[in-house]
Amino acid sequence: MQVMIDLCVIPLGVGTSVSVYVTACQRVLQAAGLSHQMHAYGTNIEGDWDEVFAAVKRCHEVVHELGAVRISSSMRIGTRTDREQTIDDKINSVKSKLIES
């Protein structure tokens, strides 16, 4: 099953800046070969359910390995069975409607 998620991994007790941890998670997603787009407060990820969730697990492992003893993550998860759809498809659909207006 294909899935699209919005993931926000928040290491707790590591100070104000979390860019080192975000970078580590981005490297995990790149290594997994998953299509993803980082945004200001998280990352959209798409792919096979098992591969995406294995990468989420690996993000947690890597952030813990970097010294964060506690992590709070939030995810929004979407699936559909009527047709294939990518992150870009969703964004382009809204952009085209903005142009029409």
N, C-alpha and C. Protein backbone atom coordinates (compact mmCIF):
# COMPACT_ATOMS: atom_id res chain seq x y z
N MET A 1 0.84 -1.18 0.00
CA MET A 1 0.00 0.00 0.00
C MET A 1 0.89 1.24 0.00
N GLN A 2 0.53 2.20 -0.85
CA GLN A 2 1.24 3.47 -0.89
C GLN A 2 0.70 4.39 0.20
N VAL A 3 1.59 5.20 0.77
CA VAL A 3 1.20 6.10 1.84
C VAL A 3 1.90 7.44 1.65
N MET A 4 1.25 8.47 2.12
CA MET A 4 1.82 9.81 2.15
C MET A 4 1.70 10.27 3.60
N ILE A 5 2.81 10.72 4.19
CA ILE A 5 2.76 11.17 5.58
C ILE A 5 3.38 12.56 5.70
N ASP A 6 2.98 13.25 6.74
CA ASP A 6 3.63 14.48 7.14
C ASP A 6 4.23 14.18 8.50
N LEU A 7 5.54 14.20 8.60
CA LEU A 7 6.26 13.81 9.81
C LEU A 7 6.96 14.99 10.44
N CYS A 8 6.81 15.12 11.75
CA CYS A 8 7.54 16.12 12.53
C CYS A 8 8.17 15.40 13.72
N VAL A 9 9.49 15.31 13.73
CA VAL A 9 10.23 14.65 14.81
C VAL A 9 10.82 15.74 15.70
N ILE A 10 10.48 15.70 16.98
CA ILE A 10 10.92 16.73 17.91
C ILE A 10 11.74 16.11 19.04
N PRO A 11 13.06 16.28 18.99
CA PRO A 11 13.89 15.80 20.10
C PRO A 11 13.71 16.75 21.28
N LEU A 12 13.52 16.21 22.45
CA LEU A 12 13.29 17.03 23.65
C LEU A 12 14.56 17.12 24.49
N GLY A 13 14.75 18.25 25.10
CA GLY A 13 15.87 18.44 26.01
C GLY A 13 17.21 18.63 25.32
N VAL A 14 17.19 19.07 24.05
CA VAL A 14 18.45 19.20 23.30
C VAL A 14 18.81 20.66 23.02
N GLY A 15 18.03 21.58 23.53
CA GLY A 15 18.28 22.99 23.27
C GLY A 15 17.31 23.54 22.24
N THR A 16 17.53 24.76 21.85
CA THR A 16 16.62 25.46 20.97
C THR A 16 16.71 24.99 19.52
N SER A 17 17.90 24.84 18.99
CA SER A 17 18.07 24.46 17.59
C SER A 17 18.01 22.93 17.44
N VAL A 18 17.27 22.50 16.44
CA VAL A 18 17.16 21.05 16.18
C VAL A 18 17.65 20.70 14.77
N SER A 19 18.33 21.62 14.10
CA SER A 19 18.72 21.39 12.71
C SER A 19 19.65 20.19 12.55
N VAL A 20 20.48 19.89 13.53
CA VAL A 20 21.36 18.71 13.45
C VAL A 20 20.51 17.44 13.37
N TYR A 21 19.45 17.40 14.12
CA TYR A 21 18.57 16.22 14.15
C TYR A 21 17.72 16.13 12.89
N VAL A 22 17.25 17.26 12.41
CA VAL A 22 16.49 17.30 11.16
C VAL A 22 17.38 16.82 10.01
N THR A 23 18.62 17.29 9.99
CA THR A 23 19.57 16.87 8.96
C THR A 23 19.77 15.36 8.99
N ALA A 24 19.90 14.81 10.18
CA ALA A 24 20.08 13.36 10.31
C ALA A 24 18.88 12.60 9.76
N CYS A 25 17.68 13.08 10.03
CA CYS A 25 16.48 12.42 9.50
C CYS A 25 16.40 12.56 7.98
N GLN A 26 16.78 13.72 7.46
CA GLN A 26 16.79 13.90 6.01
C GLN A 26 17.75 12.91 5.35
N ARG A 27 18.87 12.68 5.98
CA ARG A 27 19.83 11.69 5.45
C ARG A 27 19.23 10.28 5.47
N VAL A 28 18.48 9.96 6.49
CA VAL A 28 17.80 8.66 6.56
C VAL A 28 16.85 8.51 5.38
N LEU A 29 16.06 9.54 5.11
CA LEU A 29 15.09 9.49 4.01
C LEU A 29 15.79 9.39 2.66
N GLN A 30 16.90 10.11 2.50
CA GLN A 30 17.66 10.01 1.26
C GLN A 30 18.21 8.61 1.07
N ALA A 31 18.77 8.05 2.14
CA ALA A 31 19.35 6.70 2.06
C ALA A 31 18.28 5.65 1.75
N ALA A 32 17.06 5.90 2.23
CA ALA A 32 15.95 4.97 1.99
C ALA A 32 15.42 5.10 0.56
N GLY A 33 15.81 6.16 -0.13
CA GLY A 33 15.35 6.37 -1.49
C GLY A 33 13.90 6.79 -1.60
N LEU A 34 13.38 7.37 -0.52
CA LEU A 34 11.97 7.79 -0.50
C LEU A 34 11.82 9.20 -1.04
N SER A 35 10.73 9.42 -1.76
CA SER A 35 10.39 10.76 -2.21
C SER A 35 9.94 11.56 -0.99
N HIS A 36 10.54 12.74 -0.79
CA HIS A 36 10.20 13.54 0.38
C HIS A 36 10.45 15.02 0.10
N GLN A 37 9.74 15.85 0.83
CA GLN A 37 9.90 17.30 0.73
C GLN A 37 9.88 17.89 2.13
N MET A 38 10.99 18.48 2.51
CA MET A 38 11.07 19.13 3.81
C MET A 38 10.33 20.47 3.74
N HIS A 39 9.69 20.84 4.83
CA HIS A 39 9.10 22.17 4.95
C HIS A 39 9.46 22.71 6.32
N ALA A 40 9.01 23.88 6.65
CA ALA A 40 9.47 24.57 7.85
C ALA A 40 9.21 23.81 9.15
N TYR A 41 8.17 23.01 9.20
CA TYR A 41 7.83 22.31 10.44
C TYR A 41 7.64 20.81 10.25
N GLY A 42 8.41 20.23 9.34
CA GLY A 42 8.31 18.80 9.14
C GLY A 42 8.72 18.40 7.74
N THR A 43 8.33 17.17 7.38
CA THR A 43 8.67 16.62 6.08
C THR A 43 7.52 15.78 5.56
N ASN A 44 7.15 16.00 4.30
CA ASN A 44 6.20 15.12 3.62
C ASN A 44 6.99 13.98 3.01
N ILE A 45 6.50 12.77 3.20
CA ILE A 45 7.18 11.57 2.70
C ILE A 45 6.14 10.70 2.00
N GLU A 46 6.52 10.11 0.86
CA GLU A 46 5.61 9.20 0.18
C GLU A 46 6.36 7.94 -0.23
N GLY A 47 5.61 6.85 -0.29
CA GLY A 47 6.20 5.59 -0.72
C GLY A 47 5.41 4.41 -0.19
N ASP A 48 6.02 3.25 -0.29
CA ASP A 48 5.42 2.02 0.23
C ASP A 48 5.29 2.12 1.76
N TRP A 49 4.14 1.71 2.28
CA TRP A 49 3.85 1.81 3.72
C TRP A 49 5.01 1.29 4.57
N ASP A 50 5.45 0.07 4.31
CA ASP A 50 6.48 -0.54 5.15
C ASP A 50 7.81 0.22 5.06
N GLU A 51 8.15 0.69 3.86
CA GLU A 51 9.40 1.43 3.69
C GLU A 51 9.34 2.79 4.40
N VAL A 52 8.21 3.46 4.30
CA VAL A 52 8.06 4.77 4.96
C VAL A 52 8.15 4.62 6.47
N PHE A 53 7.43 3.63 7.01
CA PHE A 53 7.44 3.48 8.47
C PHE A 53 8.76 2.93 8.99
N ALA A 54 9.47 2.16 8.18
CA ALA A 54 10.82 1.73 8.56
C ALA A 54 11.74 2.95 8.65
N ALA A 55 11.57 3.90 7.73
CA ALA A 55 12.38 5.12 7.76
C ALA A 55 12.04 5.99 8.97
N VAL A 56 10.76 6.06 9.32
CA VAL A 56 10.35 6.81 10.52
C VAL A 56 11.03 6.20 11.76
N LYS A 57 11.00 4.88 11.83
CA LYS A 57 11.66 4.19 12.95
C LYS A 57 13.15 4.51 12.97
N ARG A 58 13.77 4.48 11.78
CA ARG A 58 15.20 4.76 11.70
C ARG A 58 15.51 6.20 12.09
N CYS A 59 14.64 7.13 11.73
CA CYS A 59 14.82 8.53 12.17
C CYS A 59 14.88 8.60 13.69
N HIS A 60 13.96 7.90 14.36
CA HIS A 60 13.98 7.89 15.82
C HIS A 60 15.28 7.30 16.34
N GLU A 61 15.70 6.19 15.75
CA GLU A 61 16.94 5.55 16.21
C GLU A 61 18.13 6.49 16.06
N VAL A 62 18.22 7.17 14.93
CA VAL A 62 19.35 8.06 14.66
C VAL A 62 19.33 9.27 15.61
N VAL A 63 18.17 9.83 15.84
CA VAL A 63 18.08 10.97 16.76
C VAL A 63 18.46 10.55 18.18
N HIS A 64 18.05 9.37 18.59
CA HIS A 64 18.49 8.85 19.90
C HIS A 64 20.00 8.66 19.92
N GLU A 65 20.55 8.12 18.83
CA GLU A 65 22.00 7.91 18.75
C GLU A 65 22.78 9.22 18.85
N LEU A 66 22.15 10.31 18.42
CA LEU A 66 22.79 11.63 18.52
C LEU A 66 22.68 12.24 19.91
N GLY A 67 22.03 11.53 20.84
CA GLY A 67 22.00 11.99 22.22
C GLY A 67 20.66 12.44 22.76
N ALA A 68 19.64 12.50 21.93
CA ALA A 68 18.31 12.87 22.44
C ALA A 68 17.73 11.67 23.19
N VAL A 69 17.44 11.87 24.46
CA VAL A 69 16.91 10.76 25.25
C VAL A 69 15.40 10.64 25.13
N ARG A 70 14.77 11.70 24.62
CA ARG A 70 13.32 11.68 24.47
C ARG A 70 12.95 12.35 23.16
N ILE A 71 11.99 11.76 22.44
CA ILE A 71 11.53 12.30 21.17
C ILE A 71 10.01 12.29 21.17
N SER A 72 9.43 13.37 20.70
CA SER A 72 7.99 13.44 20.49
C SER A 72 7.76 13.68 19.01
N SER A 73 7.07 12.78 18.35
CA SER A 73 6.81 12.93 16.91
C SER A 73 5.32 13.01 16.65
N SER A 74 4.97 13.75 15.61
CA SER A 74 3.59 13.77 15.16
C SER A 74 3.58 13.40 13.69
N MET A 75 2.51 12.70 13.29
CA MET A 75 2.36 12.27 11.92
C MET A 75 0.92 12.42 11.49
N ARG A 76 0.76 12.84 10.26
CA ARG A 76 -0.54 12.75 9.60
C ARG A 76 -0.33 11.78 8.46
N ILE A 77 -1.25 10.84 8.31
CA ILE A 77 -1.06 9.74 7.37
C ILE A 77 -2.23 9.71 6.41
N GLY A 78 -1.92 9.58 5.11
CA GLY A 78 -2.97 9.49 4.12
C GLY A 78 -2.72 8.35 3.15
N THR A 79 -3.79 7.64 2.84
CA THR A 79 -3.74 6.61 1.81
C THR A 79 -4.97 6.76 0.94
N ARG A 80 -4.88 6.26 -0.28
CA ARG A 80 -6.06 6.23 -1.14
C ARG A 80 -5.93 5.03 -2.07
N THR A 81 -7.07 4.50 -2.46
CA THR A 81 -7.08 3.31 -3.30
C THR A 81 -7.69 3.55 -4.67
N ASP A 82 -8.28 4.74 -4.88
CA ASP A 82 -8.96 4.99 -6.16
C ASP A 82 -8.00 5.35 -7.28
N ARG A 83 -6.83 5.91 -6.94
CA ARG A 83 -5.83 6.24 -7.95
C ARG A 83 -4.51 6.55 -7.28
N GLU A 84 -3.45 6.58 -8.09
CA GLU A 84 -2.15 6.97 -7.56
C GLU A 84 -2.07 8.48 -7.52
N GLN A 85 -1.43 9.00 -6.47
CA GLN A 85 -1.28 10.43 -6.33
C GLN A 85 0.02 10.71 -5.59
N THR A 86 0.75 11.72 -6.06
CA THR A 86 2.02 12.08 -5.42
C THR A 86 1.86 13.40 -4.66
N ILE A 87 2.87 13.73 -3.90
CA ILE A 87 2.91 15.02 -3.21
C ILE A 87 2.80 16.14 -4.24
N ASP A 88 3.57 16.03 -5.31
CA ASP A 88 3.54 17.05 -6.36
C ASP A 88 2.16 17.17 -7.00
N ASP A 89 1.47 16.04 -7.19
CA ASP A 89 0.12 16.08 -7.75
C ASP A 89 -0.80 16.94 -6.88
N LYS A 90 -0.71 16.74 -5.58
CA LYS A 90 -1.57 17.48 -4.65
C LYS A 90 -1.26 18.98 -4.69
N ILE A 91 0.02 19.31 -4.69
CA ILE A 91 0.42 20.71 -4.71
C ILE A 91 0.02 21.37 -6.03
N ASN A 92 0.28 20.68 -7.13
CA ASN A 92 -0.03 21.23 -8.45
C ASN A 92 -1.53 21.41 -8.65
N SER A 93 -2.34 20.57 -8.05
CA SER A 93 -3.80 20.72 -8.15
C SER A 93 -4.25 22.06 -7.56
N VAL A 94 -3.70 22.40 -6.41
CA VAL A 94 -4.06 23.67 -5.78
C VAL A 94 -3.47 24.85 -6.56
N LYS A 95 -2.23 24.72 -7.00
CA LYS A 95 -1.62 25.80 -7.79
C LYS A 95 -2.42 26.10 -9.04
N SER A 96 -2.91 25.07 -9.73
CA SER A 96 -3.67 25.29 -10.95
C SER A 96 -4.99 26.01 -10.65
N LYS A 97 -5.59 25.71 -9.52
CA LYS A 97 -6.83 26.39 -9.13
C LYS A 97 -6.57 27.85 -8.77
N LEU A 98 -5.41 28.14 -8.20
CA LEU A 98 -5.06 29.52 -7.89
C LEU A 98 -4.90 30.34 -9.18
N ILE A 99 -4.35 29.74 -10.20
CA ILE A 99 -4.17 30.43 -11.49
C ILE A 99 -5.51 30.69 -12.14
N GLU A 100 -6.44 29.74 -12.00
CA GLU A 100 -7.77 29.88 -12.62
C GLU A 100 -8.58 31.02 -11.99
N SER A 101 -8.31 31.31 -10.76
CA SER A 101 -9.12 32.32 -10.05
C SER A 101 -8.85 33.73 -10.48
